[in-house]
Amino acid sequence: MDHPHIIIGGGTYGCFTALRLAERFGGDRVLVVEQEADLMRRASYNNQARVHGGYHYPRSVLTALRSRVNAPRFLSEFAEAIHSDFQQIYAVSRRQSNVTAGQFEHFCRRIGSQ
């Protein structure tokens, strides 16, 4: 007997993974477990505008580079769900930040995000 595929978390990645597994194994073989009453109500709901090219990982160049490499695929696969009709600004706090403005600028140049 096949075991069901269980996805913990009904956010963007959990739902995407569940859909892909359902395509491959059938929808009755996939279970999404979410603590909220509806899907997409926690991190995915709160961070819905965080489509980016890696710039918000200034302390992890590797993560930033991976984001930059994967951004075009993400933008292509989820184009119908992405709004880009607004200006996006990323700011670095002058006080109590782990990264200075100069470090952030250097980081953006290093990952090619500037």
N, C-alpha and C. Protein backbone atom coordinates (compact mmCIF):
# COMPACT_ATOMS: atom_id res chain seq x y z
N MET A 1 0.84 -1.19 0.00
CA MET A 1 0.00 0.00 0.00
C MET A 1 0.88 1.24 0.00
N ASP A 2 0.55 2.19 -0.84
CA ASP A 2 1.29 3.45 -0.87
C ASP A 2 0.97 4.27 0.36
N HIS A 3 1.99 4.92 0.87
CA HIS A 3 1.79 5.81 2.01
C HIS A 3 1.44 7.20 1.49
N PRO A 4 0.59 7.93 2.22
CA PRO A 4 0.26 9.28 1.77
C PRO A 4 1.45 10.22 1.96
N HIS A 5 1.48 11.27 1.19
CA HIS A 5 2.49 12.31 1.34
C HIS A 5 1.90 13.37 2.26
N ILE A 6 2.55 13.65 3.35
CA ILE A 6 2.04 14.60 4.32
C ILE A 6 2.90 15.86 4.27
N ILE A 7 2.25 17.00 4.06
CA ILE A 7 2.92 18.29 4.01
C ILE A 7 2.54 19.04 5.27
N ILE A 8 3.53 19.47 6.03
CA ILE A 8 3.28 20.25 7.24
C ILE A 8 3.40 21.73 6.86
N GLY A 9 2.31 22.44 6.96
CA GLY A 9 2.30 23.86 6.66
C GLY A 9 1.62 24.17 5.35
N GLY A 10 0.59 24.99 5.41
CA GLY A 10 -0.18 25.35 4.22
C GLY A 10 0.16 26.74 3.72
N GLY A 11 1.45 27.06 3.69
CA GLY A 11 1.91 28.33 3.12
C GLY A 11 2.26 28.15 1.65
N THR A 12 2.99 29.10 1.12
CA THR A 12 3.36 29.07 -0.29
C THR A 12 4.05 27.77 -0.67
N TYR A 13 5.10 27.42 0.05
CA TYR A 13 5.86 26.24 -0.31
C TYR A 13 5.11 24.94 -0.02
N GLY A 14 4.37 24.91 1.08
CA GLY A 14 3.58 23.72 1.38
C GLY A 14 2.51 23.46 0.33
N CYS A 15 1.81 24.50 -0.06
CA CYS A 15 0.77 24.36 -1.09
C CYS A 15 1.36 23.99 -2.44
N PHE A 16 2.47 24.64 -2.79
CA PHE A 16 3.13 24.34 -4.06
C PHE A 16 3.58 22.88 -4.10
N THR A 17 4.20 22.44 -3.01
CA THR A 17 4.67 21.06 -2.93
C THR A 17 3.49 20.09 -3.00
N ALA A 18 2.41 20.40 -2.30
CA ALA A 18 1.23 19.53 -2.33
C ALA A 18 0.65 19.42 -3.74
N LEU A 19 0.59 20.54 -4.46
CA LEU A 19 0.08 20.50 -5.83
C LEU A 19 0.96 19.65 -6.73
N ARG A 20 2.28 19.80 -6.60
CA ARG A 20 3.20 18.99 -7.42
C ARG A 20 3.07 17.51 -7.10
N LEU A 21 2.97 17.17 -5.82
CA LEU A 21 2.82 15.77 -5.43
C LEU A 21 1.48 15.21 -5.92
N ALA A 22 0.42 16.03 -5.85
CA ALA A 22 -0.89 15.59 -6.32
C ALA A 22 -0.87 15.31 -7.82
N GLU A 23 -0.14 16.14 -8.57
CA GLU A 23 0.00 15.90 -10.02
C GLU A 23 0.68 14.56 -10.27
N ARG A 24 1.65 14.26 -9.45
CA ARG A 24 2.45 13.06 -9.67
C ARG A 24 1.80 11.78 -9.12
N PHE A 25 1.19 11.89 -7.93
CA PHE A 25 0.70 10.68 -7.25
C PHE A 25 -0.82 10.64 -7.08
N GLY A 26 -1.50 11.71 -7.44
CA GLY A 26 -2.95 11.77 -7.24
C GLY A 26 -3.28 12.53 -5.96
N GLY A 27 -4.33 13.32 -6.02
CA GLY A 27 -4.69 14.19 -4.90
C GLY A 27 -5.07 13.46 -3.64
N ASP A 28 -5.58 12.22 -3.76
CA ASP A 28 -5.96 11.49 -2.56
C ASP A 28 -4.75 10.92 -1.81
N ARG A 29 -3.56 11.12 -2.33
CA ARG A 29 -2.33 10.63 -1.69
C ARG A 29 -1.57 11.76 -1.01
N VAL A 30 -2.15 12.97 -0.96
CA VAL A 30 -1.47 14.14 -0.39
C VAL A 30 -2.34 14.76 0.69
N LEU A 31 -1.74 15.01 1.84
CA LEU A 31 -2.44 15.64 2.95
C LEU A 31 -1.64 16.86 3.40
N VAL A 32 -2.29 18.02 3.45
CA VAL A 32 -1.67 19.24 3.96
C VAL A 32 -2.19 19.47 5.37
N VAL A 33 -1.28 19.59 6.31
CA VAL A 33 -1.63 19.84 7.71
C VAL A 33 -1.28 21.29 8.02
N GLU A 34 -2.28 22.07 8.40
CA GLU A 34 -2.09 23.50 8.69
C GLU A 34 -2.80 23.84 9.99
N GLN A 35 -2.15 24.58 10.86
CA GLN A 35 -2.77 24.90 12.15
C GLN A 35 -3.84 25.98 12.07
N GLU A 36 -3.79 26.80 11.04
CA GLU A 36 -4.81 27.84 10.87
C GLU A 36 -6.06 27.25 10.22
N ALA A 37 -7.15 27.99 10.27
CA ALA A 37 -8.41 27.53 9.66
C ALA A 37 -8.34 27.50 8.14
N ASP A 38 -7.49 28.34 7.54
CA ASP A 38 -7.35 28.41 6.09
C ASP A 38 -5.87 28.34 5.71
N LEU A 39 -5.62 28.02 4.45
CA LEU A 39 -4.25 28.01 3.94
C LEU A 39 -3.76 29.44 3.73
N MET A 40 -2.46 29.59 3.67
CA MET A 40 -1.81 30.86 3.34
C MET A 40 -2.11 31.98 4.35
N ARG A 41 -2.32 31.66 5.61
CA ARG A 41 -2.70 32.67 6.60
C ARG A 41 -1.58 33.07 7.55
N ARG A 42 -0.44 32.46 7.47
CA ARG A 42 0.62 32.81 8.42
C ARG A 42 1.75 33.51 7.69
N ALA A 43 2.91 32.90 7.60
CA ALA A 43 4.07 33.57 7.00
C ALA A 43 3.81 33.98 5.55
N SER A 44 3.17 33.13 4.78
CA SER A 44 2.90 33.47 3.38
C SER A 44 1.98 34.68 3.27
N TYR A 45 1.02 34.79 4.18
CA TYR A 45 0.11 35.94 4.19
C TYR A 45 0.86 37.20 4.62
N ASN A 46 1.64 37.09 5.68
CA ASN A 46 2.34 38.25 6.23
C ASN A 46 3.51 38.70 5.37
N ASN A 47 4.11 37.81 4.63
CA ASN A 47 5.29 38.13 3.82
C ASN A 47 5.00 38.08 2.33
N GLN A 48 3.78 38.30 1.95
CA GLN A 48 3.38 38.12 0.55
C GLN A 48 4.09 39.03 -0.42
N ALA A 49 4.69 40.12 0.03
CA ALA A 49 5.38 41.02 -0.90
C ALA A 49 6.88 40.77 -0.95
N ARG A 50 7.34 39.63 -0.46
CA ARG A 50 8.77 39.39 -0.36
C ARG A 50 9.34 38.64 -1.56
N VAL A 51 8.87 38.92 -2.75
CA VAL A 51 9.49 38.39 -3.95
C VAL A 51 10.69 39.29 -4.22
N HIS A 52 11.84 38.71 -4.27
CA HIS A 52 13.05 39.53 -4.35
C HIS A 52 14.16 38.77 -5.05
N GLY A 53 15.25 39.46 -5.26
CA GLY A 53 16.41 38.87 -5.90
C GLY A 53 17.54 38.58 -4.94
N GLY A 54 17.23 38.34 -3.69
CA GLY A 54 18.25 37.97 -2.73
C GLY A 54 18.75 39.07 -1.83
N TYR A 55 18.29 40.28 -2.06
CA TYR A 55 18.84 41.41 -1.34
C TYR A 55 18.50 41.44 0.15
N HIS A 56 17.53 40.70 0.62
CA HIS A 56 17.24 40.77 2.05
C HIS A 56 17.92 39.67 2.85
N TYR A 57 19.01 39.13 2.32
CA TYR A 57 19.85 38.18 3.05
C TYR A 57 21.28 38.70 3.18
N PRO A 58 21.47 39.91 3.69
CA PRO A 58 22.82 40.50 3.67
C PRO A 58 23.86 39.76 4.51
N ARG A 59 23.44 38.87 5.37
CA ARG A 59 24.43 38.13 6.15
C ARG A 59 24.67 36.74 5.61
N SER A 60 24.07 36.42 4.47
CA SER A 60 24.29 35.11 3.85
C SER A 60 24.39 35.27 2.34
N VAL A 61 25.60 35.42 1.86
CA VAL A 61 25.82 35.59 0.43
C VAL A 61 25.31 34.36 -0.34
N LEU A 62 25.54 33.17 0.18
CA LEU A 62 25.09 31.95 -0.50
C LEU A 62 23.56 31.94 -0.66
N THR A 63 22.84 32.26 0.40
CA THR A 63 21.37 32.29 0.32
C THR A 63 20.92 33.36 -0.67
N ALA A 64 21.57 34.52 -0.63
CA ALA A 64 21.23 35.61 -1.55
C ALA A 64 21.46 35.19 -3.00
N LEU A 65 22.59 34.54 -3.26
CA LEU A 65 22.89 34.09 -4.63
C LEU A 65 21.89 33.04 -5.10
N ARG A 66 21.52 32.14 -4.20
CA ARG A 66 20.51 31.14 -4.57
C ARG A 66 19.18 31.81 -4.90
N SER A 67 18.81 32.82 -4.13
CA SER A 67 17.58 33.56 -4.40
C SER A 67 17.65 34.24 -5.75
N ARG A 68 18.78 34.84 -6.07
CA ARG A 68 18.95 35.52 -7.36
C ARG A 68 18.83 34.53 -8.51
N VAL A 69 19.43 33.36 -8.36
CA VAL A 69 19.39 32.34 -9.41
C VAL A 69 17.97 31.80 -9.60
N ASN A 70 17.25 31.61 -8.50
CA ASN A 70 15.91 31.02 -8.57
C ASN A 70 14.79 32.02 -8.81
N ALA A 71 15.05 33.31 -8.67
CA ALA A 71 14.01 34.32 -8.82
C ALA A 71 13.31 34.27 -10.18
N PRO A 72 14.02 34.16 -11.30
CA PRO A 72 13.32 34.11 -12.58
C PRO A 72 12.33 32.94 -12.70
N ARG A 73 12.72 31.78 -12.20
CA ARG A 73 11.81 30.63 -12.25
C ARG A 73 10.58 30.88 -11.38
N PHE A 74 10.80 31.41 -10.17
CA PHE A 74 9.68 31.72 -9.28
C PHE A 74 8.74 32.72 -9.93
N LEU A 75 9.31 33.79 -10.49
CA LEU A 75 8.49 34.82 -11.14
C LEU A 75 7.71 34.25 -12.32
N SER A 76 8.30 33.33 -13.04
CA SER A 76 7.64 32.71 -14.18
C SER A 76 6.50 31.78 -13.74
N GLU A 77 6.79 30.92 -12.76
CA GLU A 77 5.79 29.94 -12.32
C GLU A 77 4.62 30.55 -11.58
N PHE A 78 4.85 31.68 -10.91
CA PHE A 78 3.78 32.30 -10.12
C PHE A 78 3.39 33.67 -10.65
N ALA A 79 3.60 33.90 -11.94
CA ALA A 79 3.35 35.21 -12.54
C ALA A 79 1.93 35.73 -12.27
N GLU A 80 0.94 34.85 -12.32
CA GLU A 80 -0.44 35.29 -12.13
C GLU A 80 -0.73 35.74 -10.70
N ALA A 81 0.14 35.42 -9.77
CA ALA A 81 -0.07 35.79 -8.36
C ALA A 81 0.82 36.93 -7.90
N ILE A 82 1.62 37.47 -8.80
CA ILE A 82 2.60 38.49 -8.41
C ILE A 82 2.17 39.85 -8.94
N HIS A 83 2.10 40.81 -8.03
CA HIS A 83 1.80 42.19 -8.40
C HIS A 83 3.11 42.96 -8.43
N SER A 84 3.37 43.65 -9.52
CA SER A 84 4.62 44.40 -9.63
C SER A 84 4.36 45.86 -10.00
N ASP A 85 3.16 46.32 -9.74
CA ASP A 85 2.80 47.68 -10.10
C ASP A 85 3.02 48.67 -8.96
N PHE A 86 4.05 48.43 -8.16
CA PHE A 86 4.40 49.33 -7.09
C PHE A 86 5.92 49.40 -6.95
N GLN A 87 6.40 50.48 -6.39
CA GLN A 87 7.84 50.65 -6.21
C GLN A 87 8.29 49.87 -4.98
N GLN A 88 9.38 49.14 -5.12
CA GLN A 88 9.92 48.36 -4.02
C GLN A 88 11.17 49.05 -3.48
N ILE A 89 11.18 49.29 -2.19
CA ILE A 89 12.32 49.96 -1.55
C ILE A 89 12.77 49.10 -0.38
N TYR A 90 14.06 48.87 -0.29
CA TYR A 90 14.61 48.13 0.85
C TYR A 90 15.47 49.09 1.64
N ALA A 91 15.23 49.18 2.94
CA ALA A 91 15.97 50.12 3.79
C ALA A 91 16.75 49.36 4.84
N VAL A 92 17.86 49.94 5.23
CA VAL A 92 18.69 49.41 6.31
C VAL A 92 18.64 50.42 7.45
N SER A 93 18.29 49.96 8.62
CA SER A 93 18.19 50.84 9.77
C SER A 93 19.55 51.43 10.15
N ARG A 94 19.54 52.69 10.48
CA ARG A 94 20.77 53.34 10.91
C ARG A 94 21.17 52.86 12.31
N ARG A 95 20.19 52.50 13.11
CA ARG A 95 20.45 52.07 14.49
C ARG A 95 19.99 50.62 14.68
N GLN A 96 20.70 49.90 15.48
CA GLN A 96 20.36 48.53 15.87
C GLN A 96 20.19 47.59 14.69
N SER A 97 20.98 47.77 13.67
CA SER A 97 20.97 46.87 12.53
C SER A 97 22.23 46.01 12.57
N ASN A 98 22.16 44.83 12.06
CA ASN A 98 23.32 43.96 11.99
C ASN A 98 24.22 44.29 10.80
N VAL A 99 23.74 45.18 9.92
CA VAL A 99 24.46 45.53 8.71
C VAL A 99 24.41 47.05 8.53
N THR A 100 25.53 47.66 8.24
CA THR A 100 25.54 49.10 7.96
C THR A 100 25.12 49.34 6.52
N ALA A 101 24.80 50.58 6.21
CA ALA A 101 24.42 50.92 4.83
C ALA A 101 25.55 50.59 3.86
N GLY A 102 26.79 50.88 4.26
CA GLY A 102 27.94 50.58 3.41
C GLY A 102 28.12 49.09 3.18
N GLN A 103 27.95 48.30 4.23
CA GLN A 103 28.04 46.84 4.10
C GLN A 103 26.94 46.31 3.19
N PHE A 104 25.75 46.87 3.33
CA PHE A 104 24.64 46.42 2.50
C PHE A 104 24.89 46.77 1.03
N GLU A 105 25.39 47.96 0.78
CA GLU A 105 25.71 48.35 -0.59
C GLU A 105 26.76 47.43 -1.20
N HIS A 106 27.80 47.11 -0.42
CA HIS A 106 28.84 46.19 -0.88
C HIS A 106 28.24 44.80 -1.16
N PHE A 107 27.38 44.34 -0.28
CA PHE A 107 26.71 43.05 -0.44
C PHE A 107 25.90 43.03 -1.74
N CYS A 108 25.13 44.09 -2.01
CA CYS A 108 24.31 44.13 -3.23
C CYS A 108 25.18 44.08 -4.49
N ARG A 109 26.30 44.79 -4.46
CA ARG A 109 27.23 44.72 -5.61
C ARG A 109 27.78 43.31 -5.75
N ARG A 110 28.08 42.68 -4.64
CA ARG A 110 28.69 41.34 -4.67
C ARG A 110 27.75 40.29 -5.28
N ILE A 111 26.46 40.41 -5.01
CA ILE A 111 25.52 39.43 -5.55
C ILE A 111 24.91 39.88 -6.88
N GLY A 112 25.29 41.05 -7.35
CA GLY A 112 24.78 41.54 -8.63
C GLY A 112 23.37 42.04 -8.56
N SER A 113 22.97 42.55 -7.41
CA SER A 113 21.59 43.00 -7.21
C SER A 113 21.48 44.52 -7.26
N GLN A 114 22.45 45.17 -7.79
CA GLN A 114 22.40 46.63 -7.80
C GLN A 114 22.41 47.16 -9.20
